[in-house]
Amino acid sequence: MSYRITEACEACGTCKDACPNDAIIEGDIYKIDAEKCAECGACVEECPTGAIVEE
């Protein structure tokens, strides 16, 4: 399982703060660095807009 951040992202930084592996890349819409992501789901649980989905 892997995760993707959709266009619903508001770049609030909540997912970045929640990620234990520093796998979130900042931008207008945040992205997930697949090489760093441990697929723990911490970002999914914390995202206030539901912008992070499983692929």
C-alpha atoms as a PDB file:
ATOM      1  CA  MET A   1       0.000   0.000   0.000  1.00  0.00           C
ATOM      2  CA  SER A   2       1.208   3.506  -0.720  1.00  0.00           C
ATOM      3  CA  TYR A   3      -0.242   6.950  -0.174  1.00  0.00           C
ATOM      4  CA  ARG A   4      -0.798   9.963  -2.408  1.00  0.00           C
ATOM      5  CA  ILE A   5      -1.772  13.534  -1.562  1.00  0.00           C
ATOM      6  CA  THR A   6      -4.633  14.809  -3.724  1.00  0.00           C
ATOM      7  CA  GLU A   7      -5.585  18.295  -4.887  1.00  0.00           C
ATOM      8  CA  ALA A   8      -7.724  18.665  -1.745  1.00  0.00           C
ATOM      9  CA  CYS A   9      -4.430  19.468   0.054  1.00  0.00           C
ATOM     10  CA  GLU A  10      -4.391  22.946   1.595  1.00  0.00           C
ATOM     11  CA  ALA A  11      -0.664  22.790   2.442  1.00  0.00           C
ATOM     12  CA  CYS A  12      -1.406  23.276   6.138  1.00  0.00           C
ATOM     13  CA  GLY A  13       1.601  21.228   7.273  1.00  0.00           C
ATOM     14  CA  THR A  14      -0.302  18.899   9.592  1.00  0.00           C
ATOM     15  CA  CYS A  15       0.804  15.805   7.687  1.00  0.00           C
ATOM     16  CA  LYS A  16       4.408  16.963   7.637  1.00  0.00           C
ATOM     17  CA  ASP A  17       4.350  17.437  11.401  1.00  0.00           C
ATOM     18  CA  ALA A  18       2.826  13.974  11.890  1.00  0.00           C
ATOM     19  CA  CYS A  19       5.255  12.080   9.650  1.00  0.00           C
ATOM     20  CA  PRO A  20       7.916  10.248  11.688  1.00  0.00           C
ATOM     21  CA  ASN A  21      10.129   9.747   8.609  1.00  0.00           C
ATOM     22  CA  ASP A  22      10.181  13.270   7.170  1.00  0.00           C
ATOM     23  CA  ALA A  23       8.624  11.902   3.968  1.00  0.00           C
ATOM     24  CA  ILE A  24       6.383  14.887   3.223  1.00  0.00           C
ATOM     25  CA  ILE A  25       7.684  17.386   0.670  1.00  0.00           C
ATOM     26  CA  GLU A  26       6.332  20.942   0.978  1.00  0.00           C
ATOM     27  CA  GLY A  27       4.808  22.798  -1.956  1.00  0.00           C
ATOM     28  CA  ASP A  28       1.533  24.312  -3.142  1.00  0.00           C
ATOM     29  CA  ILE A  29       0.242  20.769  -2.779  1.00  0.00           C
ATOM     30  CA  TYR A  30       2.387  18.595  -0.556  1.00  0.00           C
ATOM     31  CA  LYS A  31       3.842  15.352  -1.923  1.00  0.00           C
ATOM     32  CA  ILE A  32       5.000  12.101  -0.326  1.00  0.00           C
ATOM     33  CA  ASP A  33       8.545  10.857  -0.901  1.00  0.00           C
ATOM     34  CA  ALA A  34       7.872   7.153  -1.550  1.00  0.00           C
ATOM     35  CA  GLU A  35      11.450   6.193  -0.669  1.00  0.00           C
ATOM     36  CA  LYS A  36      11.140   7.684   2.834  1.00  0.00           C
ATOM     37  CA  CYS A  37       7.511   6.712   3.471  1.00  0.00           C
ATOM     38  CA  ALA A  38       7.089   3.789   5.898  1.00  0.00           C
ATOM     39  CA  GLU A  39       3.369   3.555   5.038  1.00  0.00           C
ATOM     40  CA  CYS A  40       2.460   3.980   8.714  1.00  0.00           C
ATOM     41  CA  GLY A  41      -0.643   6.081   7.993  1.00  0.00           C
ATOM     42  CA  ALA A  42       0.183   8.817  10.509  1.00  0.00           C
ATOM     43  CA  CYS A  43      -0.322  11.483   7.853  1.00  0.00           C
ATOM     44  CA  VAL A  44      -3.676  10.045   6.782  1.00  0.00           C
ATOM     45  CA  GLU A  45      -5.002  10.124  10.329  1.00  0.00           C
ATOM     46  CA  GLU A  46      -3.962  13.751  10.858  1.00  0.00           C
ATOM     47  CA  CYS A  47      -4.985  15.340   7.527  1.00  0.00           C
ATOM     48  CA  PRO A  48      -7.912  17.687   8.263  1.00  0.00           C
ATOM     49  CA  THR A  49      -9.132  17.723   4.636  1.00  0.00           C
ATOM     50  CA  GLY A  50      -8.862  14.001   3.893  1.00  0.00           C
ATOM     51  CA  ALA A  51      -6.447  14.786   1.074  1.00  0.00           C
ATOM     52  CA  ILE A  52      -4.247  11.724   1.597  1.00  0.00           C
ATOM     53  CA  VAL A  53      -5.485   8.525  -0.046  1.00  0.00           C
ATOM     54  CA  GLU A  54      -4.239   4.971  -0.548  1.00  0.00           C
ATOM     55  CA  GLU A  55      -3.103   3.974  -4.006  1.00  0.00           C
END
